[in-house]
Amino acid sequence: MPAQGEISVGEGKFFLCEVVAGAKEIDWFSPSGEKIEPNRPDITVTRTDETTSTLTLYSATLDDAGTYKCVARRGSEEGEATVNVKIFQKIHVSSTRRRPRSLTRETTPSSCVTCSARPPPTSYGNTKEPRFRGEGRGFIYSYFMFNMALWAEVRFKVLPNNHLQIRGIKKTDEGTYTCEARIMARGEIDLRPIRVVIN
């Protein structure tokens, strides 16, 4: 049995508990220590044969996270194994506007393009990577236009709230910007195009 497993919210996964010499009983216990009874609607335990039992999580929720224990018994002998199950929500980038973002050159010398990612990641450690400028809540943000990263352009700045600030707005700034958010620890990425119109 693996020492650890990861599941995205709403997805399912199974874990096998294999006993070397066979066992009379193989039981699974939830993170709270409660014995998991067979054929629950959300979690099932199935005895495959005399050496294997399967724990299956269906449509995982954040509450399903924790350490599950498999206990095998044969006579007076007992053995156990555990699996630490981490549940996470997949990253999703959203723009706060559905229609094109309209910026005016004459009245505003600078403006912001907003983009946010959710959810905050589960505890996966440090996500810093120097080539990206915007970091927030465990995400790394990047903005692109015409497939070119904007972090090196001095008129563009990713603010602490992860919005893209455009200073000294020009007509050439019009176009489709791509907001990209990453969770480095999981290798997860999501993109959102944001259309900007300059008046």
N, C-alpha and C. Protein backbone atom coordinates (compact mmCIF):
# COMPACT_ATOMS: atom_id res chain seq x y z
N MET A 1 0.86 -1.17 0.00
CA MET A 1 0.00 0.00 0.00
C MET A 1 0.90 1.23 0.00
N PRO A 2 0.57 2.24 -0.82
CA PRO A 2 1.40 3.45 -0.81
C PRO A 2 1.26 4.18 0.52
N ALA A 3 2.29 4.91 0.90
CA ALA A 3 2.25 5.66 2.16
C ALA A 3 1.35 6.88 2.04
N GLN A 4 1.12 7.34 0.81
CA GLN A 4 0.36 8.57 0.60
C GLN A 4 -0.40 8.50 -0.71
N GLY A 5 -1.56 9.17 -0.76
CA GLY A 5 -2.33 9.26 -1.99
C GLY A 5 -3.00 10.61 -2.08
N GLU A 6 -3.16 11.12 -3.30
CA GLU A 6 -3.81 12.41 -3.51
C GLU A 6 -5.03 12.22 -4.39
N ILE A 7 -6.10 12.94 -4.04
CA ILE A 7 -7.35 12.89 -4.80
C ILE A 7 -7.86 14.31 -4.95
N SER A 8 -8.36 14.63 -6.12
CA SER A 8 -9.01 15.91 -6.35
C SER A 8 -10.45 15.83 -5.86
N VAL A 9 -10.96 16.93 -5.33
CA VAL A 9 -12.35 16.98 -4.86
C VAL A 9 -13.29 16.52 -5.98
N GLY A 10 -14.21 15.63 -5.63
CA GLY A 10 -15.19 15.13 -6.59
C GLY A 10 -14.75 13.90 -7.36
N GLU A 11 -13.48 13.54 -7.25
CA GLU A 11 -12.99 12.36 -7.96
C GLU A 11 -12.91 11.17 -7.02
N GLY A 12 -12.66 10.01 -7.57
CA GLY A 12 -12.56 8.79 -6.77
C GLY A 12 -11.19 8.15 -6.90
N LYS A 13 -10.86 7.32 -5.94
CA LYS A 13 -9.59 6.60 -5.95
C LYS A 13 -9.72 5.39 -5.05
N PHE A 14 -8.93 4.34 -5.37
CA PHE A 14 -8.95 3.17 -4.50
C PHE A 14 -7.54 2.86 -4.01
N PHE A 15 -7.48 2.18 -2.87
CA PHE A 15 -6.22 1.79 -2.26
C PHE A 15 -6.30 0.30 -1.91
N LEU A 16 -5.24 -0.43 -2.24
CA LEU A 16 -5.18 -1.86 -1.96
C LEU A 16 -4.36 -2.12 -0.71
N CYS A 17 -4.86 -3.03 0.11
CA CYS A 17 -4.12 -3.50 1.27
C CYS A 17 -3.86 -4.98 1.00
N GLU A 18 -2.59 -5.33 0.84
CA GLU A 18 -2.22 -6.71 0.55
C GLU A 18 -1.49 -7.32 1.73
N VAL A 19 -1.90 -8.53 2.09
CA VAL A 19 -1.31 -9.25 3.21
C VAL A 19 -0.45 -10.37 2.62
N VAL A 20 0.77 -10.51 3.11
CA VAL A 20 1.73 -11.46 2.55
C VAL A 20 1.25 -12.91 2.64
N ALA A 21 0.81 -13.36 3.80
CA ALA A 21 0.48 -14.78 3.98
C ALA A 21 -1.01 -15.05 4.10
N GLY A 22 -1.85 -14.11 3.75
CA GLY A 22 -3.29 -14.30 3.90
C GLY A 22 -3.74 -13.93 5.30
N ALA A 23 -5.02 -13.61 5.42
CA ALA A 23 -5.55 -13.19 6.72
C ALA A 23 -7.00 -13.61 6.84
N LYS A 24 -7.42 -13.87 8.08
CA LYS A 24 -8.82 -14.20 8.32
C LYS A 24 -9.66 -12.94 8.20
N GLU A 25 -9.14 -11.85 8.74
CA GLU A 25 -9.86 -10.57 8.70
C GLU A 25 -8.94 -9.48 8.17
N ILE A 26 -9.49 -8.61 7.33
CA ILE A 26 -8.80 -7.38 6.91
C ILE A 26 -9.81 -6.26 7.07
N ASP A 27 -9.53 -5.33 7.97
CA ASP A 27 -10.44 -4.22 8.24
C ASP A 27 -9.76 -2.89 7.92
N TRP A 28 -10.59 -1.93 7.54
CA TRP A 28 -10.12 -0.57 7.28
C TRP A 28 -10.71 0.35 8.34
N PHE A 29 -9.92 1.35 8.75
CA PHE A 29 -10.37 2.33 9.73
C PHE A 29 -10.20 3.73 9.17
N SER A 30 -11.19 4.58 9.44
CA SER A 30 -11.18 5.96 8.96
C SER A 30 -10.18 6.79 9.76
N PRO A 31 -9.90 8.03 9.33
CA PRO A 31 -8.99 8.89 10.09
C PRO A 31 -9.45 9.13 11.53
N SER A 32 -10.75 9.02 11.79
CA SER A 32 -11.26 9.20 13.16
C SER A 32 -11.08 7.94 14.01
N GLY A 33 -10.64 6.84 13.39
CA GLY A 33 -10.44 5.58 14.12
C GLY A 33 -11.63 4.64 14.04
N GLU A 34 -12.69 5.06 13.39
CA GLU A 34 -13.91 4.26 13.27
C GLU A 34 -13.74 3.20 12.17
N LYS A 35 -14.19 1.98 12.45
CA LYS A 35 -14.12 0.91 11.45
C LYS A 35 -15.05 1.25 10.29
N ILE A 36 -14.55 1.10 9.07
CA ILE A 36 -15.35 1.39 7.88
C ILE A 36 -16.10 0.12 7.50
N GLU A 37 -17.41 0.22 7.52
CA GLU A 37 -18.26 -0.92 7.18
C GLU A 37 -18.37 -1.03 5.66
N PRO A 38 -18.52 -2.25 5.14
CA PRO A 38 -18.63 -2.43 3.69
C PRO A 38 -19.88 -1.75 3.13
N ASN A 39 -19.78 -1.36 1.87
CA ASN A 39 -20.91 -0.86 1.08
C ASN A 39 -21.54 0.43 1.58
N ARG A 40 -20.75 1.32 2.14
CA ARG A 40 -21.25 2.67 2.39
C ARG A 40 -21.37 3.37 1.04
N PRO A 41 -22.24 4.38 0.90
CA PRO A 41 -22.38 5.02 -0.40
C PRO A 41 -21.17 5.88 -0.81
N ASP A 42 -20.44 6.41 0.17
CA ASP A 42 -19.32 7.30 -0.14
C ASP A 42 -17.96 6.61 -0.12
N ILE A 43 -17.82 5.59 0.73
CA ILE A 43 -16.58 4.84 0.88
C ILE A 43 -16.94 3.36 0.98
N THR A 44 -16.27 2.53 0.18
CA THR A 44 -16.54 1.10 0.29
C THR A 44 -15.27 0.33 0.62
N VAL A 45 -15.46 -0.78 1.30
CA VAL A 45 -14.39 -1.72 1.60
C VAL A 45 -14.80 -3.04 0.99
N THR A 46 -13.93 -3.60 0.15
CA THR A 46 -14.24 -4.85 -0.53
C THR A 46 -13.11 -5.84 -0.30
N ARG A 47 -13.46 -7.03 0.13
CA ARG A 47 -12.47 -8.10 0.30
C ARG A 47 -12.33 -8.79 -1.05
N THR A 48 -11.20 -8.62 -1.70
CA THR A 48 -10.98 -9.17 -3.03
C THR A 48 -10.71 -10.66 -2.99
N ASP A 49 -9.80 -11.07 -2.11
CA ASP A 49 -9.48 -12.48 -1.90
C ASP A 49 -8.89 -12.61 -0.50
N GLU A 50 -8.26 -13.74 -0.18
CA GLU A 50 -7.78 -13.92 1.19
C GLU A 50 -6.55 -13.08 1.53
N THR A 51 -5.95 -12.44 0.51
CA THR A 51 -4.77 -11.61 0.79
C THR A 51 -4.96 -10.12 0.50
N THR A 52 -6.11 -9.73 -0.05
CA THR A 52 -6.28 -8.35 -0.50
C THR A 52 -7.64 -7.77 -0.11
N SER A 53 -7.60 -6.51 0.32
CA SER A 53 -8.82 -5.74 0.58
C SER A 53 -8.66 -4.37 -0.09
N THR A 54 -9.75 -3.85 -0.62
CA THR A 54 -9.71 -2.58 -1.34
C THR A 54 -10.58 -1.54 -0.64
N LEU A 55 -10.00 -0.37 -0.40
CA LEU A 55 -10.73 0.79 0.11
C LEU A 55 -10.96 1.71 -1.08
N THR A 56 -12.22 2.08 -1.34
CA THR A 56 -12.54 2.95 -2.47
C THR A 56 -13.26 4.19 -1.95
N LEU A 57 -12.72 5.36 -2.31
CA LEU A 57 -13.37 6.64 -2.00
C LEU A 57 -14.04 7.11 -3.28
N TYR A 58 -15.35 7.37 -3.20
CA TYR A 58 -16.09 7.87 -4.35
C TYR A 58 -16.38 9.35 -4.13
N SER A 59 -16.24 10.15 -5.15
CA SER A 59 -16.58 11.58 -5.09
C SER A 59 -16.03 12.21 -3.80
N ALA A 60 -14.73 12.25 -3.69
CA ALA A 60 -14.04 12.71 -2.48
C ALA A 60 -14.40 14.15 -2.10
N THR A 61 -14.50 14.37 -0.80
CA THR A 61 -14.69 15.72 -0.25
C THR A 61 -13.48 16.04 0.62
N LEU A 62 -13.33 17.30 0.98
CA LEU A 62 -12.21 17.69 1.84
C LEU A 62 -12.26 16.97 3.18
N ASP A 63 -13.46 16.60 3.63
CA ASP A 63 -13.61 15.88 4.90
C ASP A 63 -13.05 14.46 4.85
N ASP A 64 -12.83 13.93 3.65
CA ASP A 64 -12.30 12.57 3.52
C ASP A 64 -10.78 12.49 3.73
N ALA A 65 -10.12 13.63 3.84
CA ALA A 65 -8.66 13.64 4.01
C ALA A 65 -8.27 13.07 5.37
N GLY A 66 -7.10 12.45 5.41
CA GLY A 66 -6.59 11.92 6.67
C GLY A 66 -5.87 10.60 6.47
N THR A 67 -5.51 9.97 7.57
CA THR A 67 -4.78 8.71 7.53
C THR A 67 -5.73 7.53 7.74
N TYR A 68 -5.81 6.67 6.73
CA TYR A 68 -6.63 5.46 6.78
C TYR A 68 -5.72 4.30 7.17
N LYS A 69 -6.26 3.39 7.98
CA LYS A 69 -5.47 2.26 8.47
C LYS A 69 -6.11 0.95 8.04
N CYS A 70 -5.27 0.05 7.55
CA CYS A 70 -5.68 -1.31 7.19
C CYS A 70 -5.09 -2.24 8.25
N VAL A 71 -5.95 -3.04 8.88
CA VAL A 71 -5.49 -3.97 9.91
C VAL A 71 -5.84 -5.39 9.48
N ALA A 72 -4.83 -6.25 9.43
CA ALA A 72 -5.02 -7.66 9.04
C ALA A 72 -4.77 -8.55 10.24
N ARG A 73 -5.65 -9.56 10.41
CA ARG A 73 -5.51 -10.50 11.54
C ARG A 73 -5.57 -11.93 11.04
N ARG A 74 -4.71 -12.76 11.64
CA ARG A 74 -4.73 -14.20 11.39
C ARG A 74 -4.36 -14.85 12.72
N GLY A 75 -5.35 -15.42 13.37
CA GLY A 75 -5.12 -16.00 14.70
C GLY A 75 -4.71 -14.90 15.67
N SER A 76 -3.59 -15.11 16.36
CA SER A 76 -3.12 -14.10 17.32
C SER A 76 -2.21 -13.07 16.67
N GLU A 77 -1.91 -13.24 15.38
CA GLU A 77 -1.04 -12.30 14.68
C GLU A 77 -1.84 -11.14 14.11
N GLU A 78 -1.24 -9.96 14.15
CA GLU A 78 -1.91 -8.77 13.63
C GLU A 78 -0.87 -7.87 12.97
N GLY A 79 -1.22 -7.29 11.86
CA GLY A 79 -0.34 -6.34 11.17
C GLY A 79 -1.17 -5.19 10.65
N GLU A 80 -0.52 -4.05 10.46
CA GLU A 80 -1.26 -2.90 9.95
C GLU A 80 -0.41 -2.08 9.00
N ALA A 81 -1.09 -1.33 8.16
CA ALA A 81 -0.45 -0.39 7.23
C ALA A 81 -1.36 0.83 7.14
N THR A 82 -0.77 1.97 6.84
CA THR A 82 -1.55 3.20 6.74
C THR A 82 -1.29 3.89 5.40
N VAL A 83 -2.26 4.69 4.99
CA VAL A 83 -2.11 5.54 3.82
C VAL A 83 -2.65 6.92 4.20
N ASN A 84 -1.84 7.95 3.96
CA ASN A 84 -2.24 9.33 4.24
C ASN A 84 -2.88 9.89 2.97
N VAL A 85 -4.18 10.16 3.02
CA VAL A 85 -4.93 10.62 1.85
C VAL A 85 -5.07 12.14 1.92
N LYS A 86 -4.55 12.81 0.89
CA LYS A 86 -4.67 14.27 0.78
C LYS A 86 -5.73 14.58 -0.27
N ILE A 87 -6.63 15.47 0.07
CA ILE A 87 -7.68 15.89 -0.86
C ILE A 87 -7.40 17.34 -1.23
N PHE A 88 -7.42 17.65 -2.52
CA PHE A 88 -7.18 19.03 -2.94
C PHE A 88 -8.20 19.45 -3.98
N GLN A 89 -8.35 20.76 -4.12
CA GLN A 89 -9.21 21.29 -5.16
C GLN A 89 -8.33 21.72 -6.32
N LYS A 90 -8.75 21.41 -7.53
CA LYS A 90 -7.98 21.80 -8.70
C LYS A 90 -8.02 23.31 -8.84
N ILE A 91 -6.94 23.85 -9.38
CA ILE A 91 -6.83 25.28 -9.58
C ILE A 91 -7.81 25.73 -10.67
N HIS A 92 -8.37 26.91 -10.48
CA HIS A 92 -9.29 27.48 -11.47
C HIS A 92 -9.04 28.98 -11.51
N VAL A 93 -8.68 29.48 -12.68
CA VAL A 93 -8.44 30.91 -12.85
C VAL A 93 -9.71 31.54 -13.38
N SER A 94 -10.05 32.70 -12.82
CA SER A 94 -11.24 33.41 -13.31
C SER A 94 -10.92 34.88 -13.46
N SER A 95 -11.55 35.48 -14.43
CA SER A 95 -11.48 36.93 -14.61
C SER A 95 -12.75 37.49 -14.01
N THR A 96 -12.68 38.68 -13.45
CA THR A 96 -13.87 39.24 -12.82
C THR A 96 -14.84 39.82 -13.85
N ARG A 97 -14.44 39.90 -15.11
CA ARG A 97 -15.29 40.49 -16.14
C ARG A 97 -15.54 39.47 -17.26
N ARG A 98 -16.77 39.44 -17.73
CA ARG A 98 -17.13 38.54 -18.83
C ARG A 98 -16.89 39.23 -20.19
N ARG A 99 -17.15 40.53 -20.24
CA ARG A 99 -16.97 41.24 -21.50
C ARG A 99 -15.58 41.89 -21.53
N PRO A 100 -15.15 42.41 -22.69
CA PRO A 100 -13.81 43.00 -22.76
C PRO A 100 -13.61 44.12 -21.74
N ARG A 101 -12.43 44.18 -21.18
CA ARG A 101 -12.07 45.23 -20.22
C ARG A 101 -11.73 46.46 -21.03
N SER A 102 -12.41 47.58 -20.75
CA SER A 102 -12.22 48.80 -21.51
C SER A 102 -11.34 49.77 -20.71
N LEU A 103 -10.23 50.20 -21.31
CA LEU A 103 -9.32 51.14 -20.67
C LEU A 103 -9.29 52.42 -21.48
N THR A 104 -9.20 53.57 -20.80
CA THR A 104 -9.18 54.86 -21.48
C THR A 104 -7.83 55.51 -21.27
N ARG A 105 -7.18 55.93 -22.36
CA ARG A 105 -5.84 56.51 -22.27
C ARG A 105 -5.85 57.91 -21.68
N GLU A 106 -6.83 58.74 -22.04
CA GLU A 106 -6.82 60.15 -21.63
C GLU A 106 -7.10 60.33 -20.13
N THR A 107 -8.08 59.62 -19.61
CA THR A 107 -8.49 59.84 -18.22
C THR A 107 -7.72 59.02 -17.20
N THR A 108 -7.13 57.93 -17.62
CA THR A 108 -6.41 57.07 -16.68
C THR A 108 -5.01 56.79 -17.20
N PRO A 109 -3.99 57.26 -16.52
CA PRO A 109 -2.63 56.96 -16.98
C PRO A 109 -2.24 55.49 -16.75
N SER A 110 -2.94 54.84 -15.80
CA SER A 110 -2.69 53.42 -15.58
C SER A 110 -3.99 52.74 -15.19
N SER A 111 -4.05 51.45 -15.45
CA SER A 111 -5.24 50.69 -15.11
C SER A 111 -4.83 49.25 -14.82
N CYS A 112 -5.77 48.49 -14.25
CA CYS A 112 -5.47 47.11 -13.86
C CYS A 112 -6.35 46.11 -14.58
N VAL A 113 -5.76 44.99 -14.93
CA VAL A 113 -6.47 43.83 -15.45
C VAL A 113 -6.54 42.85 -14.29
N THR A 114 -7.75 42.43 -13.92
CA THR A 114 -7.90 41.58 -12.75
C THR A 114 -8.03 40.11 -13.13
N CYS A 115 -7.45 39.29 -12.29
CA CYS A 115 -7.48 37.85 -12.50
C CYS A 115 -7.23 37.21 -11.15
N SER A 116 -7.96 36.15 -10.85
CA SER A 116 -7.73 35.47 -9.57
C SER A 116 -7.86 33.96 -9.76
N ALA A 117 -7.20 33.25 -8.86
CA ALA A 117 -7.25 31.79 -8.90
C ALA A 117 -7.82 31.30 -7.59
N ARG A 118 -8.53 30.20 -7.66
CA ARG A 118 -9.02 29.57 -6.45
C ARG A 118 -8.85 28.08 -6.61
N PRO A 119 -8.83 27.32 -5.64
CA PRO A 119 -8.85 27.63 -4.22
C PRO A 119 -7.43 27.80 -3.72
N PRO A 120 -7.27 28.26 -2.47
CA PRO A 120 -5.92 28.22 -1.93
C PRO A 120 -5.50 26.76 -1.83
N PRO A 121 -4.25 26.44 -2.13
CA PRO A 121 -3.84 25.04 -2.13
C PRO A 121 -3.78 24.45 -0.73
N THR A 122 -3.82 23.14 -0.65
CA THR A 122 -3.60 22.48 0.63
C THR A 122 -2.12 22.64 0.97
N SER A 123 -1.70 22.22 2.12
CA SER A 123 -0.33 22.49 2.55
C SER A 123 0.69 21.73 1.71
N TYR A 124 1.28 22.41 0.76
CA TYR A 124 2.26 21.80 -0.13
C TYR A 124 3.58 22.54 -0.12
N GLY A 125 3.82 23.43 0.83
CA GLY A 125 5.13 24.06 0.96
C GLY A 125 5.33 25.28 0.10
N ASN A 126 6.59 25.65 -0.08
CA ASN A 126 6.97 26.88 -0.75
C ASN A 126 6.80 26.76 -2.26
N THR A 127 6.19 27.78 -2.88
CA THR A 127 5.94 27.73 -4.32
C THR A 127 6.75 28.77 -5.08
N LYS A 128 7.79 29.32 -4.49
CA LYS A 128 8.53 30.40 -5.15
C LYS A 128 9.35 29.90 -6.33
N GLU A 129 9.26 30.65 -7.40
CA GLU A 129 10.07 30.39 -8.58
C GLU A 129 10.44 31.75 -9.14
N PRO A 130 11.73 32.11 -9.24
CA PRO A 130 12.12 33.48 -9.52
C PRO A 130 11.69 34.07 -10.85
N ARG A 131 11.40 33.27 -11.87
CA ARG A 131 11.11 33.89 -13.15
C ARG A 131 9.71 34.50 -13.22
N PHE A 132 8.87 34.21 -12.26
CA PHE A 132 7.53 34.79 -12.25
C PHE A 132 7.46 35.88 -11.21
N ARG A 133 6.72 36.95 -11.52
CA ARG A 133 6.71 38.10 -10.62
C ARG A 133 5.58 38.08 -9.63
N GLY A 134 4.43 37.57 -9.97
CA GLY A 134 3.29 37.64 -9.06
C GLY A 134 3.12 36.35 -8.29
N GLU A 135 3.03 36.46 -6.98
CA GLU A 135 2.78 35.30 -6.14
C GLU A 135 1.72 35.67 -5.13
N GLY A 136 0.81 34.76 -4.88
CA GLY A 136 -0.19 35.04 -3.87
C GLY A 136 -0.94 33.78 -3.49
N ARG A 137 -1.19 33.60 -2.21
CA ARG A 137 -1.96 32.48 -1.68
C ARG A 137 -1.50 31.14 -2.23
N GLY A 138 -0.18 30.96 -2.43
CA GLY A 138 0.34 29.69 -2.90
C GLY A 138 0.32 29.53 -4.41
N PHE A 139 -0.16 30.54 -5.12
CA PHE A 139 -0.20 30.50 -6.57
C PHE A 139 0.91 31.37 -7.14
N ILE A 140 1.34 31.07 -8.33
CA ILE A 140 2.27 31.93 -9.06
C ILE A 140 1.51 32.41 -10.29
N TYR A 141 1.45 33.74 -10.44
CA TYR A 141 0.71 34.32 -11.55
C TYR A 141 1.67 34.82 -12.62
N SER A 142 1.27 34.68 -13.87
CA SER A 142 2.00 35.25 -15.00
C SER A 142 0.97 35.83 -15.95
N TYR A 143 1.37 36.86 -16.65
CA TYR A 143 0.51 37.44 -17.68
C TYR A 143 1.27 37.43 -18.99
N PHE A 144 0.55 37.10 -20.06
CA PHE A 144 1.15 37.02 -21.38
C PHE A 144 0.28 37.78 -22.37
N MET A 145 0.92 38.32 -23.41
CA MET A 145 0.19 38.89 -24.53
C MET A 145 0.95 38.46 -25.77
N PHE A 146 0.25 37.93 -26.75
CA PHE A 146 0.86 37.38 -27.97
C PHE A 146 1.93 36.35 -27.61
N ASN A 147 1.65 35.53 -26.59
CA ASN A 147 2.55 34.47 -26.13
C ASN A 147 3.89 34.97 -25.60
N MET A 148 3.96 36.25 -25.26
CA MET A 148 5.18 36.81 -24.67
C MET A 148 4.91 37.18 -23.23
N ALA A 149 5.79 36.79 -22.33
CA ALA A 149 5.63 37.12 -20.91
C ALA A 149 5.80 38.62 -20.72
N LEU A 150 4.96 39.21 -19.88
CA LEU A 150 4.98 40.66 -19.67
C LEU A 150 5.82 41.07 -18.47
N TRP A 151 6.38 40.13 -17.74
CA TRP A 151 7.08 40.47 -16.51
C TRP A 151 8.33 41.31 -16.74
N ALA A 152 8.92 41.25 -17.94
CA ALA A 152 10.15 42.02 -18.21
C ALA A 152 9.85 43.43 -18.72
N GLU A 153 8.63 43.70 -19.12
CA GLU A 153 8.24 45.01 -19.65
C GLU A 153 7.97 45.96 -18.49
N VAL A 154 8.66 47.12 -18.46
CA VAL A 154 8.57 48.02 -17.29
C VAL A 154 7.20 48.66 -17.10
N ARG A 155 6.41 48.80 -18.16
CA ARG A 155 5.08 49.41 -18.01
C ARG A 155 4.07 48.44 -17.41
N PHE A 156 4.39 47.17 -17.37
CA PHE A 156 3.49 46.16 -16.82
C PHE A 156 4.02 45.69 -15.48
N LYS A 157 3.13 45.61 -14.50
CA LYS A 157 3.56 45.18 -13.17
C LYS A 157 2.47 44.31 -12.55
N VAL A 158 2.87 43.17 -12.00
CA VAL A 158 1.93 42.33 -11.25
C VAL A 158 1.93 42.86 -9.82
N LEU A 159 0.78 43.35 -9.39
CA LEU A 159 0.64 43.96 -8.06
C LEU A 159 0.54 42.88 -6.98
N PRO A 160 0.68 43.26 -5.70
CA PRO A 160 0.56 42.28 -4.62
C PRO A 160 -0.76 41.51 -4.61
N ASN A 161 -1.85 42.12 -5.14
CA ASN A 161 -3.13 41.42 -5.21
C ASN A 161 -3.26 40.57 -6.48
N ASN A 162 -2.15 40.46 -7.24
CA ASN A 162 -2.04 39.65 -8.45
C ASN A 162 -2.76 40.22 -9.66
N HIS A 163 -3.21 41.48 -9.59
CA HIS A 163 -3.76 42.14 -10.76
C HIS A 163 -2.60 42.65 -11.61
N LEU A 164 -2.80 42.74 -12.90
CA LEU A 164 -1.79 43.27 -13.80
C LEU A 164 -2.03 44.75 -13.99
N GLN A 165 -1.06 45.57 -13.59
CA GLN A 165 -1.17 47.02 -13.78
C GLN A 165 -0.47 47.39 -15.08
N ILE A 166 -1.18 48.18 -15.91
CA ILE A 166 -0.61 48.70 -17.15
C ILE A 166 -0.43 50.19 -16.95
N ARG A 167 0.81 50.67 -17.01
CA ARG A 167 1.10 52.10 -16.82
C ARG A 167 1.36 52.73 -18.19
N GLY A 168 0.96 54.01 -18.32
CA GLY A 168 1.16 54.71 -19.59
C GLY A 168 0.46 53.99 -20.72
N ILE A 169 -0.84 53.82 -20.57
CA ILE A 169 -1.64 53.03 -21.52
C ILE A 169 -1.47 53.54 -22.95
N LYS A 170 -1.25 52.62 -23.89
CA LYS A 170 -1.12 52.93 -25.31
C LYS A 170 -2.13 52.10 -26.10
N LYS A 171 -2.45 52.55 -27.29
CA LYS A 171 -3.37 51.82 -28.16
C LYS A 171 -2.82 50.41 -28.46
N THR A 172 -1.51 50.28 -28.51
CA THR A 172 -0.90 48.98 -28.80
C THR A 172 -1.07 47.99 -27.64
N ASP A 173 -1.55 48.47 -26.49
CA ASP A 173 -1.80 47.57 -25.35
C ASP A 173 -3.11 46.80 -25.52
N GLU A 174 -3.89 47.17 -26.53
CA GLU A 174 -5.15 46.49 -26.79
C GLU A 174 -4.88 45.07 -27.28
N GLY A 175 -5.71 44.15 -26.84
CA GLY A 175 -5.56 42.77 -27.29
C GLY A 175 -6.00 41.79 -26.22
N THR A 176 -5.64 40.56 -26.41
CA THR A 176 -6.01 39.51 -25.46
C THR A 176 -4.81 39.17 -24.59
N TYR A 177 -5.00 39.33 -23.30
CA TYR A 177 -3.98 38.98 -22.31
C TYR A 177 -4.34 37.61 -21.76
N THR A 178 -3.36 36.84 -21.40
CA THR A 178 -3.60 35.54 -20.80
C THR A 178 -3.08 35.57 -19.38
N CYS A 179 -3.97 35.28 -18.44
CA CYS A 179 -3.58 35.15 -17.05
C CYS A 179 -3.32 33.67 -16.80
N GLU A 180 -2.15 33.38 -16.24
CA GLU A 180 -1.78 31.99 -15.96
C GLU A 180 -1.49 31.86 -14.47
N ALA A 181 -2.06 30.86 -13.84
CA ALA A 181 -1.77 30.59 -12.42
C ALA A 181 -1.25 29.17 -12.32
N ARG A 182 -0.26 28.98 -11.43
CA ARG A 182 0.35 27.67 -11.24
C ARG A 182 0.46 27.34 -9.76
N ILE A 183 0.30 26.07 -9.46
CA ILE A 183 0.66 25.55 -8.14
C ILE A 183 1.86 24.66 -8.41
N MET A 184 3.03 25.15 -8.06
CA MET A 184 4.27 24.47 -8.43
C MET A 184 4.39 23.08 -7.82
N ALA A 185 3.94 22.91 -6.59
CA ALA A 185 4.12 21.63 -5.90
C ALA A 185 3.34 20.50 -6.57
N ARG A 186 2.24 20.85 -7.26
CA ARG A 186 1.44 19.81 -7.91
C ARG A 186 1.62 19.80 -9.42
N GLY A 187 2.38 20.75 -9.96
CA GLY A 187 2.54 20.83 -11.41
C GLY A 187 1.24 21.18 -12.09
N GLU A 188 0.39 21.92 -11.40
CA GLU A 188 -0.94 22.23 -11.92
C GLU A 188 -0.96 23.64 -12.50
N ILE A 189 -1.71 23.82 -13.59
CA ILE A 189 -1.75 25.10 -14.28
C ILE A 189 -3.16 25.35 -14.82
N ASP A 190 -3.57 26.62 -14.84
CA ASP A 190 -4.82 27.00 -15.49
C ASP A 190 -4.61 28.36 -16.13
N LEU A 191 -5.30 28.60 -17.24
CA LEU A 191 -5.15 29.83 -18.01
C LEU A 191 -6.51 30.48 -18.21
N ARG A 192 -6.52 31.81 -18.35
CA ARG A 192 -7.75 32.52 -18.66
C ARG A 192 -7.42 33.68 -19.59
N PRO A 193 -8.04 33.74 -20.80
CA PRO A 193 -7.83 34.89 -21.67
C PRO A 193 -8.67 36.08 -21.19
N ILE A 194 -8.09 37.27 -21.25
CA ILE A 194 -8.79 38.50 -20.85
C ILE A 194 -8.63 39.49 -21.99
N ARG A 195 -9.73 39.88 -22.60
CA ARG A 195 -9.71 40.81 -23.74
C ARG A 195 -9.70 42.23 -23.22
N VAL A 196 -8.76 43.05 -23.71
CA VAL A 196 -8.62 44.45 -23.31
C VAL A 196 -8.81 45.33 -24.53
N VAL A 197 -9.71 46.34 -24.40
CA VAL A 197 -9.97 47.30 -25.46
C VAL A 197 -9.52 48.67 -24.98
N ILE A 198 -8.76 49.39 -25.80
CA ILE A 198 -8.29 50.74 -25.45
C ILE A 198 -9.14 51.75 -26.19
N ASN A 199 -9.75 52.69 -25.43
CA ASN A 199 -10.58 53.75 -26.04
C ASN A 199 -9.75 54.99 -26.29
